[in-house]
C-alpha atoms as a PDB file:
ATOM      1  CA  MET A   1     -51.580 -16.931  -1.589  1.00  0.00           C
ATOM      2  CA  ARG A   2     -49.453 -20.039  -2.281  1.00  0.00           C
ATOM      3  CA  VAL A   3     -46.936 -17.939  -4.210  1.00  0.00           C
ATOM      4  CA  THR A   4     -46.712 -15.369  -1.461  1.00  0.00           C
ATOM      5  CA  PHE A   5     -46.274 -18.080   1.261  1.00  0.00           C
ATOM      6  CA  THR A   6     -43.520 -19.720  -0.774  1.00  0.00           C
ATOM      7  CA  MET A   7     -41.719 -16.453  -1.148  1.00  0.00           C
ATOM      8  CA  LEU A   8     -42.059 -15.860   2.537  1.00  0.00           C
ATOM      9  CA  ILE A   9     -40.446 -19.174   3.335  1.00  0.00           C
ATOM     10  CA  LEU A  10     -37.602 -18.512   0.899  1.00  0.00           C
ATOM     11  CA  PHE A  11     -36.994 -15.112   2.489  1.00  0.00           C
ATOM     12  CA  VAL A  12     -36.938 -16.553   6.102  1.00  0.00           C
ATOM     13  CA  THR A  13     -34.643 -19.299   5.026  1.00  0.00           C
ATOM     14  CA  ALA A  14     -32.258 -17.008   3.314  1.00  0.00           C
ATOM     15  CA  SER A  15     -32.106 -14.830   6.375  1.00  0.00           C
ATOM     16  CA  PHE A  16     -30.665 -17.740   8.351  1.00  0.00           C
ATOM     17  CA  VAL A  17     -27.917 -18.504   5.814  1.00  0.00           C
ATOM     18  CA  PRO A  18     -24.635 -17.207   7.187  1.00  0.00           C
ATOM     19  CA  ARG A  19     -23.056 -14.509   4.977  1.00  0.00           C
ATOM     20  CA  GLN A  20     -19.529 -15.190   4.030  1.00  0.00           C
ATOM     21  CA  GLU A  21     -17.231 -12.433   5.236  1.00  0.00           C
ATOM     22  CA  LYS A  22     -14.931 -10.824   2.726  1.00  0.00           C
ATOM     23  CA  LEU A  23     -11.175 -11.406   3.031  1.00  0.00           C
ATOM     24  CA  LYS A  24      -9.695  -8.068   4.064  1.00  0.00           C
ATOM     25  CA  ILE A  25      -6.325  -6.601   2.871  1.00  0.00           C
ATOM     26  CA  PHE A  26      -5.222  -3.897   5.157  1.00  0.00           C
ATOM     27  CA  LEU A  27      -2.755  -1.348   3.984  1.00  0.00           C
ATOM     28  CA  ALA A  28      -0.588   0.313   6.630  1.00  0.00           C
ATOM     29  CA  GLY A  29       1.720   3.052   5.463  1.00  0.00           C
ATOM     30  CA  ASP A  30       2.335   6.696   4.564  1.00  0.00           C
ATOM     31  CA  SER A  31       1.372   9.252   1.863  1.00  0.00           C
ATOM     32  CA  THR A  32       2.850   7.196  -1.019  1.00  0.00           C
ATOM     33  CA  MET A  33       0.059   4.577  -0.293  1.00  0.00           C
ATOM     34  CA  SER A  34      -2.752   6.573   1.196  1.00  0.00           C
ATOM     35  CA  ILE A  35      -6.121   7.739  -0.149  1.00  0.00           C
ATOM     36  CA  LYS A  36      -5.922  11.431  -1.216  1.00  0.00           C
ATOM     37  CA  ALA A  37      -8.399  14.226  -0.719  1.00  0.00           C
ATOM     38  CA  VAL A  38      -9.856  15.785  -3.865  1.00  0.00           C
ATOM     39  CA  SER A  39      -7.933  18.978  -3.140  1.00  0.00           C
ATOM     40  CA  ALA A  40      -4.642  17.013  -3.519  1.00  0.00           C
ATOM     41  CA  TYR A  41      -5.323  15.669  -7.023  1.00  0.00           C
ATOM     42  CA  PRO A  42      -3.695  14.555  -9.181  1.00  0.00           C
ATOM     43  CA  GLU A  43      -1.613  13.274  -6.302  1.00  0.00           C
ATOM     44  CA  THR A  44      -2.474   9.574  -5.938  1.00  0.00           C
ATOM     45  CA  GLY A  45      -1.351   6.959  -3.473  1.00  0.00           C
ATOM     46  CA  TRP A  46      -0.812   3.617  -5.007  1.00  0.00           C
ATOM     47  CA  GLY A  47      -3.278   2.054  -2.581  1.00  0.00           C
ATOM     48  CA  MET A  48      -6.078   3.797  -4.461  1.00  0.00           C
ATOM     49  CA  PRO A  49      -5.857   1.924  -7.836  1.00  0.00           C
ATOM     50  CA  PHE A  50      -4.717  -1.169  -5.950  1.00  0.00           C
ATOM     51  CA  ALA A  51      -8.229  -1.523  -4.476  1.00  0.00           C
ATOM     52  CA  HIS A  52      -9.774  -2.019  -7.911  1.00  0.00           C
ATOM     53  CA  PHE A  53      -7.750  -5.144  -8.740  1.00  0.00           C
ATOM     54  CA  TRP A  54      -9.853  -7.442  -6.571  1.00  0.00           C
ATOM     55  CA  ASN A  55     -13.078  -9.335  -6.978  1.00  0.00           C
ATOM     56  CA  GLN A  56     -16.016  -9.178  -4.587  1.00  0.00           C
ATOM     57  CA  GLY A  57     -14.401 -11.636  -2.233  1.00  0.00           C
ATOM     58  CA  VAL A  58     -11.873  -9.068  -1.052  1.00  0.00           C
ATOM     59  CA  GLU A  59     -12.141  -5.748   0.712  1.00  0.00           C
ATOM     60  CA  VAL A  60      -9.081  -3.541   0.564  1.00  0.00           C
ATOM     61  CA  VAL A  61      -8.938  -1.337   3.724  1.00  0.00           C
ATOM     62  CA  ASN A  62      -6.488   1.469   3.135  1.00  0.00           C
ATOM     63  CA  LYS A  63      -5.454   2.824   6.552  1.00  0.00           C
ATOM     64  CA  ALA A  64      -2.307   4.567   5.312  1.00  0.00           C
ATOM     65  CA  LYS A  65      -2.055   8.242   6.196  1.00  0.00           C
ATOM     66  CA  ASN A  66       0.026  11.188   4.979  1.00  0.00           C
ATOM     67  CA  GLY A  67       3.126  11.875   7.001  1.00  0.00           C
ATOM     68  CA  ARG A  68       2.956   8.811   9.185  1.00  0.00           C
ATOM     69  CA  SER A  69       5.832   6.753  10.459  1.00  0.00           C
ATOM     70  CA  THR A  70       5.913   3.509  12.376  1.00  0.00           C
ATOM     71  CA  LYS A  71       5.934   5.634  15.441  1.00  0.00           C
ATOM     72  CA  THR A  72       3.062   7.948  14.835  1.00  0.00           C
ATOM     73  CA  PHE A  73       0.924   5.207  13.139  1.00  0.00           C
ATOM     74  CA  GLN A  74       1.016   3.537  16.518  1.00  0.00           C
ATOM     75  CA  GLY A  75       0.865   6.646  18.674  1.00  0.00           C
ATOM     76  CA  GLU A  76      -2.266   7.948  16.971  1.00  0.00           C
ATOM     77  CA  GLY A  77      -4.056   4.642  17.387  1.00  0.00           C
ATOM     78  CA  ILE A  78      -4.350   3.847  13.634  1.00  0.00           C
ATOM     79  CA  TRP A  79      -2.380   0.634  13.940  1.00  0.00           C
ATOM     80  CA  GLN A  80      -4.761  -0.573  16.677  1.00  0.00           C
ATOM     81  CA  THR A  81      -7.713  -0.163  14.448  1.00  0.00           C
ATOM     82  CA  ILE A  82      -6.210  -2.789  12.179  1.00  0.00           C
ATOM     83  CA  LEU A  83      -5.765  -5.197  14.979  1.00  0.00           C
ATOM     84  CA  ASP A  84      -9.320  -4.480  16.153  1.00  0.00           C
ATOM     85  CA  GLU A  85     -10.976  -4.864  12.713  1.00  0.00           C
ATOM     86  CA  GLY A  86      -8.951  -7.696  11.290  1.00  0.00           C
ATOM     87  CA  LYS A  87      -9.905 -11.383  11.616  1.00  0.00           C
ATOM     88  CA  PRO A  88      -7.893 -14.571  11.205  1.00  0.00           C
ATOM     89  CA  GLY A  89      -6.822 -14.980   7.547  1.00  0.00           C
ATOM     90  CA  ASP A  90      -6.775 -11.374   6.707  1.00  0.00           C
ATOM     91  CA  TYR A  91      -3.635  -9.737   5.318  1.00  0.00           C
ATOM     92  CA  VAL A  92      -1.770  -6.729   6.410  1.00  0.00           C
ATOM     93  CA  PHE A  93       0.656  -4.993   4.004  1.00  0.00           C
ATOM     94  CA  ILE A  94       3.122  -2.786   5.913  1.00  0.00           C
ATOM     95  CA  GLN A  95       5.122  -0.028   4.183  1.00  0.00           C
ATOM     96  CA  PHE A  96       6.848   2.703   6.077  1.00  0.00           C
ATOM     97  CA  GLY A  97      10.188   4.490   5.976  1.00  0.00           C
ATOM     98  CA  HIS A  98       9.800   7.857   4.300  1.00  0.00           C
ATOM     99  CA  ASN A  99       8.997   9.649   7.477  1.00  0.00           C
ATOM    100  CA  ASP A 100      10.821   7.256   9.803  1.00  0.00           C
ATOM    101  CA  GLU A 101      14.203   8.139   8.284  1.00  0.00           C
ATOM    102  CA  VAL A 102      14.073  11.992   8.302  1.00  0.00           C
ATOM    103  CA  ILE A 103      15.868  13.205  11.396  1.00  0.00           C
ATOM    104  CA  THR A 104      14.421  16.772  11.019  1.00  0.00           C
ATOM    105  CA  LYS A 105      10.844  15.280  11.471  1.00  0.00           C
ATOM    106  CA  VAL A 106      11.125  15.252  15.157  1.00  0.00           C
ATOM    107  CA  GLY A 107       7.668  13.831  15.851  1.00  0.00           C
ATOM    108  CA  SER A 108       7.873  10.962  13.424  1.00  0.00           C
ATOM    109  CA  TYR A 109      11.557  10.192  13.165  1.00  0.00           C
ATOM    110  CA  THR A 110      12.584   6.769  14.415  1.00  0.00           C
ATOM    111  CA  THR A 111      16.174   5.579  14.922  1.00  0.00           C
ATOM    112  CA  PRO A 112      17.173   2.472  12.897  1.00  0.00           C
ATOM    113  CA  ALA A 113      16.875   0.364  16.007  1.00  0.00           C
ATOM    114  CA  GLU A 114      13.398   1.738  16.765  1.00  0.00           C
ATOM    115  CA  TYR A 115      12.271   1.305  13.136  1.00  0.00           C
ATOM    116  CA  SER A 116      13.301  -2.340  13.171  1.00  0.00           C
ATOM    117  CA  GLY A 117      11.706  -2.872  16.507  1.00  0.00           C
ATOM    118  CA  ASN A 118       8.418  -1.390  15.378  1.00  0.00           C
ATOM    119  CA  LEU A 119       8.325  -3.601  12.309  1.00  0.00           C
ATOM    120  CA  SER A 120       8.960  -6.729  14.301  1.00  0.00           C
ATOM    121  CA  ARG A 121       6.275  -5.595  16.746  1.00  0.00           C
ATOM    122  CA  PHE A 122       3.778  -5.182  13.880  1.00  0.00           C
ATOM    123  CA  VAL A 123       4.578  -8.560  12.600  1.00  0.00           C
ATOM    124  CA  SER A 124       4.138 -10.271  15.992  1.00  0.00           C
ATOM    125  CA  GLN A 125       0.919  -8.495  16.762  1.00  0.00           C
ATOM    126  CA  VAL A 126      -0.541  -9.337  13.340  1.00  0.00           C
ATOM    127  CA  ARG A 127       0.359 -13.013  13.787  1.00  0.00           C
ATOM    128  CA  ASP A 128      -1.138 -12.964  17.321  1.00  0.00           C
ATOM    129  CA  LYS A 129      -4.399 -12.097  15.682  1.00  0.00           C
ATOM    130  CA  LYS A 130      -3.810 -15.008  13.194  1.00  0.00           C
ATOM    131  CA  MET A 131      -3.604 -12.496  10.396  1.00  0.00           C
ATOM    132  CA  ILE A 132      -0.800 -12.568   7.732  1.00  0.00           C
ATOM    133  CA  PRO A 133       1.829  -9.800   7.618  1.00  0.00           C
ATOM    134  CA  ILE A 134       3.536  -8.682   4.433  1.00  0.00           C
ATOM    135  CA  LEU A 135       6.511  -6.358   4.743  1.00  0.00           C
ATOM    136  CA  MET A 136       7.426  -3.765   2.047  1.00  0.00           C
ATOM    137  CA  THR A 137      10.432  -1.513   1.614  1.00  0.00           C
ATOM    138  CA  PRO A 138       9.467   2.130   1.030  1.00  0.00           C
ATOM    139  CA  VAL A 139       8.913   3.103  -2.614  1.00  0.00           C
ATOM    140  CA  SER A 140      11.952   4.946  -4.048  1.00  0.00           C
ATOM    141  CA  ARG A 141      12.039   8.595  -4.582  1.00  0.00           C
ATOM    142  CA  ARG A 142      12.889   9.765  -8.129  1.00  0.00           C
ATOM    143  CA  LYS A 143      16.540  10.568  -8.265  1.00  0.00           C
ATOM    144  CA  PHE A 144      19.058  10.134 -11.090  1.00  0.00           C
ATOM    145  CA  ASP A 145      22.805  10.774 -11.378  1.00  0.00           C
ATOM    146  CA  ASP A 146      24.470  12.734 -14.192  1.00  0.00           C
ATOM    147  CA  LYS A 147      24.740   9.572 -16.269  1.00  0.00           C
ATOM    148  CA  GLY A 148      20.946   8.838 -16.094  1.00  0.00           C
ATOM    149  CA  ASN A 149      21.183   6.081 -13.527  1.00  0.00           C
ATOM    150  CA  ALA A 150      18.429   5.870 -10.941  1.00  0.00           C
ATOM    151  CA  GLN A 151      19.768   6.337  -7.437  1.00  0.00           C
ATOM    152  CA  MET A 152      18.981   4.687  -4.145  1.00  0.00           C
ATOM    153  CA  THR A 153      17.013   7.068  -1.770  1.00  0.00           C
ATOM    154  CA  HIS A 154      16.275   4.762   1.178  1.00  0.00           C
ATOM    155  CA  GLU A 155      19.386   2.637   1.481  1.00  0.00           C
ATOM    156  CA  GLU A 156      19.591   2.209   5.152  1.00  0.00           C
ATOM    157  CA  TYR A 157      15.912   1.862   6.082  1.00  0.00           C
ATOM    158  CA  SER A 158      15.071  -0.348   3.116  1.00  0.00           C
ATOM    159  CA  GLN A 159      17.825  -2.698   4.238  1.00  0.00           C
ATOM    160  CA  LEU A 160      16.349  -2.781   7.688  1.00  0.00           C
ATOM    161  CA  VAL A 161      13.016  -3.974   6.279  1.00  0.00           C
ATOM    162  CA  ARG A 162      14.862  -6.779   4.452  1.00  0.00           C
ATOM    163  CA  ILE A 163      16.555  -7.813   7.614  1.00  0.00           C
ATOM    164  CA  VAL A 164      13.440  -7.908   9.656  1.00  0.00           C
ATOM    165  CA  ALA A 165      11.656  -9.866   6.902  1.00  0.00           C
ATOM    166  CA  GLN A 166      14.386 -12.508   6.923  1.00  0.00           C
ATOM    167  CA  LYS A 167      14.724 -12.704  10.679  1.00  0.00           C
ATOM    168  CA  ASP A 168      10.980 -13.036  11.269  1.00  0.00           C
ATOM    169  CA  SER A 169      10.249 -15.177   8.141  1.00  0.00           C
ATOM    170  CA  VAL A 170       7.911 -12.623   6.566  1.00  0.00           C
ATOM    171  CA  ALA A 171       7.084 -12.335   2.831  1.00  0.00           C
ATOM    172  CA  LEU A 172       8.805  -9.231   1.461  1.00  0.00           C
ATOM    173  CA  ILE A 173       7.970  -7.024  -1.439  1.00  0.00           C
ATOM    174  CA  ASP A 174      11.072  -4.897  -2.236  1.00  0.00           C
ATOM    175  CA  MET A 175       9.279  -1.782  -3.443  1.00  0.00           C
ATOM    176  CA  ASP A 176      12.438   0.400  -3.213  1.00  0.00           C
ATOM    177  CA  LYS A 177      14.281  -1.870  -5.800  1.00  0.00           C
ATOM    178  CA  LEU A 178      11.205  -2.492  -8.021  1.00  0.00           C
ATOM    179  CA  THR A 179      10.219   1.189  -8.262  1.00  0.00           C
ATOM    180  CA  MET A 180      13.864   2.214  -8.986  1.00  0.00           C
ATOM    181  CA  GLU A 181      13.763  -0.277 -11.835  1.00  0.00           C
ATOM    182  CA  LEU A 182      10.488   1.357 -13.042  1.00  0.00           C
ATOM    183  CA  TYR A 183      12.002   4.860 -13.035  1.00  0.00           C
ATOM    184  CA  GLN A 184      15.085   3.516 -14.814  1.00  0.00           C
ATOM    185  CA  GLU A 185      12.906   2.106 -17.530  1.00  0.00           C
ATOM    186  CA  PHE A 186      11.289   5.474 -18.126  1.00  0.00           C
ATOM    187  CA  GLY A 187      14.582   7.365 -17.761  1.00  0.00           C
ATOM    188  CA  PRO A 188      15.400  10.722 -16.145  1.00  0.00           C
ATOM    189  CA  VAL A 189      13.050  12.797 -18.215  1.00  0.00           C
ATOM    190  CA  HIS A 190      10.041  10.594 -18.871  1.00  0.00           C
ATOM    191  CA  SER A 191       9.953   9.376 -15.268  1.00  0.00           C
ATOM    192  CA  LYS A 192       8.520  12.760 -14.372  1.00  0.00           C
ATOM    193  CA  LEU A 193       5.321  11.576 -15.912  1.00  0.00           C
ATOM    194  CA  LEU A 194       4.870   9.217 -12.938  1.00  0.00           C
ATOM    195  CA  PHE A 195       5.023  11.939 -10.271  1.00  0.00           C
ATOM    196  CA  LEU A 196       3.256  15.064  -9.122  1.00  0.00           C
ATOM    197  CA  GLN A 197       5.078  17.285 -11.620  1.00  0.00           C
ATOM    198  CA  LEU A 198       2.954  20.250 -12.851  1.00  0.00           C
ATOM    199  CA  MET A 199       3.699  23.557 -14.539  1.00  0.00           C
ATOM    200  CA  PRO A 200       2.213  26.837 -13.123  1.00  0.00           C
ATOM    201  CA  GLY A 201      -1.442  26.984 -14.175  1.00  0.00           C
ATOM    202  CA  GLU A 202      -1.608  23.436 -15.348  1.00  0.00           C
ATOM    203  CA  HIS A 203      -3.889  22.249 -12.523  1.00  0.00           C
ATOM    204  CA  PRO A 204      -6.273  24.276 -10.357  1.00  0.00           C
ATOM    205  CA  ASN A 205      -5.099  22.557  -7.170  1.00  0.00           C
ATOM    206  CA  TYR A 206      -1.490  23.750  -7.821  1.00  0.00           C
ATOM    207  CA  PRO A 207      -1.793  27.137  -9.471  1.00  0.00           C
ATOM    208  CA  GLU A 208       1.955  27.852  -8.898  1.00  0.00           C
ATOM    209  CA  GLY A 209       2.910  24.374 -10.193  1.00  0.00           C
ATOM    210  CA  LYS A 210       4.509  21.442  -8.367  1.00  0.00           C
ATOM    211  CA  GLU A 211       7.824  19.581  -8.561  1.00  0.00           C
ATOM    212  CA  ASP A 212       7.443  16.499  -6.383  1.00  0.00           C
ATOM    213  CA  ASN A 213       9.738  13.489  -6.768  1.00  0.00           C
ATOM    214  CA  THR A 214       8.162  11.507  -4.032  1.00  0.00           C
ATOM    215  CA  HIS A 215       4.389  11.444  -4.598  1.00  0.00           C
ATOM    216  CA  PHE A 216       2.748   9.830  -7.599  1.00  0.00           C
ATOM    217  CA  ASN A 217       0.133  11.021 -10.005  1.00  0.00           C
ATOM    218  CA  GLU A 218      -2.584   8.740 -11.278  1.00  0.00           C
ATOM    219  CA  LEU A 219      -0.320   6.956 -13.877  1.00  0.00           C
ATOM    220  CA  GLY A 220       2.554   6.503 -11.440  1.00  0.00           C
ATOM    221  CA  ALA A 221       0.263   5.109  -8.740  1.00  0.00           C
ATOM    222  CA  ARG A 222      -1.404   2.672 -11.131  1.00  0.00           C
ATOM    223  CA  LEU A 223       1.934   1.365 -12.394  1.00  0.00           C
ATOM    224  CA  VAL A 224       3.283   1.000  -8.887  1.00  0.00           C
ATOM    225  CA  ALA A 225       0.053  -0.806  -7.840  1.00  0.00           C
ATOM    226  CA  GLN A 226       0.560  -3.166 -10.772  1.00  0.00           C
ATOM    227  CA  ILE A 227       4.060  -3.924  -9.479  1.00  0.00           C
ATOM    228  CA  VAL A 228       2.523  -4.924  -6.170  1.00  0.00           C
ATOM    229  CA  LEU A 229       0.008  -7.162  -7.854  1.00  0.00           C
ATOM    230  CA  LYS A 230       2.685  -8.864  -9.871  1.00  0.00           C
ATOM    231  CA  GLU A 231       4.692  -9.558  -6.631  1.00  0.00           C
ATOM    232  CA  ILE A 232       1.546 -10.886  -4.964  1.00  0.00           C
ATOM    233  CA  LYS A 233       0.989 -13.360  -7.825  1.00  0.00           C
ATOM    234  CA  ALA A 234       4.641 -14.540  -7.484  1.00  0.00           C
ATOM    235  CA  LYS A 235       4.925 -14.640  -3.673  1.00  0.00           C
ATOM    236  CA  ILE A 236       1.446 -14.940  -2.148  1.00  0.00           C
ATOM    237  CA  PRO A 237      -0.335 -17.483  -4.282  1.00  0.00           C
ATOM    238  CA  ALA A 238      -3.233 -17.752  -1.794  1.00  0.00           C
ATOM    239  CA  LEU A 239      -4.413 -14.348  -2.904  1.00  0.00           C
ATOM    240  CA  THR A 240      -4.304 -15.034  -6.664  1.00  0.00           C
ATOM    241  CA  PRO A 241      -7.848 -16.454  -6.964  1.00  0.00           C
ATOM    242  CA  TYR A 242      -9.191 -13.075  -5.767  1.00  0.00           C
ATOM    243  CA  ILE A 243      -7.473 -11.065  -8.456  1.00  0.00           C
ATOM    244  CA  ILE A 244      -9.667  -9.854 -11.270  1.00  0.00           C
ATOM    245  CA  THR A 245      -8.438 -11.300 -14.609  1.00  0.00           C
ATOM    246  CA  LYS A 246      -9.636 -10.248 -18.023  1.00  0.00           C
ATOM    247  CA  LYS A 247     -11.721 -12.901 -19.707  1.00  0.00           C
ATOM    248  CA  ALA A 248     -10.503 -13.978 -23.116  1.00  0.00           C
ATOM    249  CA  LYS A 249     -12.825 -13.112 -25.923  1.00  0.00           C
ATOM    250  CA  ALA A 250     -14.655 -16.023 -27.537  1.00  0.00           C
END
């Protein structure tokens, strides 16, 4: 009876101990970042492996969606869910541009002025909620010239992100530049290994094959996520204690 009573006291006491909420890292972006359906594999958004780099004190909330721009992300109410679910001290990583810059995508295209305005609005709204915004240039597409040099594919819209980050004093992760460097390291041929590049019959999801220089496969997504992690360690030291580190062998 005494043991049972003691256990009851411990249970009741524990039930009144406030649970510490996890720090949330929200990801706001497009298909290069988003969680993929099984039917799309091996296509992988970099936000998928990114979620596994963190200890139990962090919850990565990937709100990125295929085909979204700063315009449609707001118009569909996805952005508002971040503002509603976030709490003071949470982080919001913002990476758009792929769909904003394409004039033929009538529903999602944003002019340079609209794009800059949307990014500044995102930053302001995040800060109003006492959360912390992080701006990111769009990841580069795979493109090389005849001499094997990686080429810029988002020159105008990436520069707009840099300008907004400087104007609004926001931490910036220059994914366009960093992913271009990654592709250059692999070279024109081997960089295909990072993307959704498949021969006919190679994968049941793509029986006719696939040649995609925008979306990553598992390897590409993981390497891009590792780039983000490296930048976080260098530029956002407050998040470093939450990153899983491999323990040295005794």
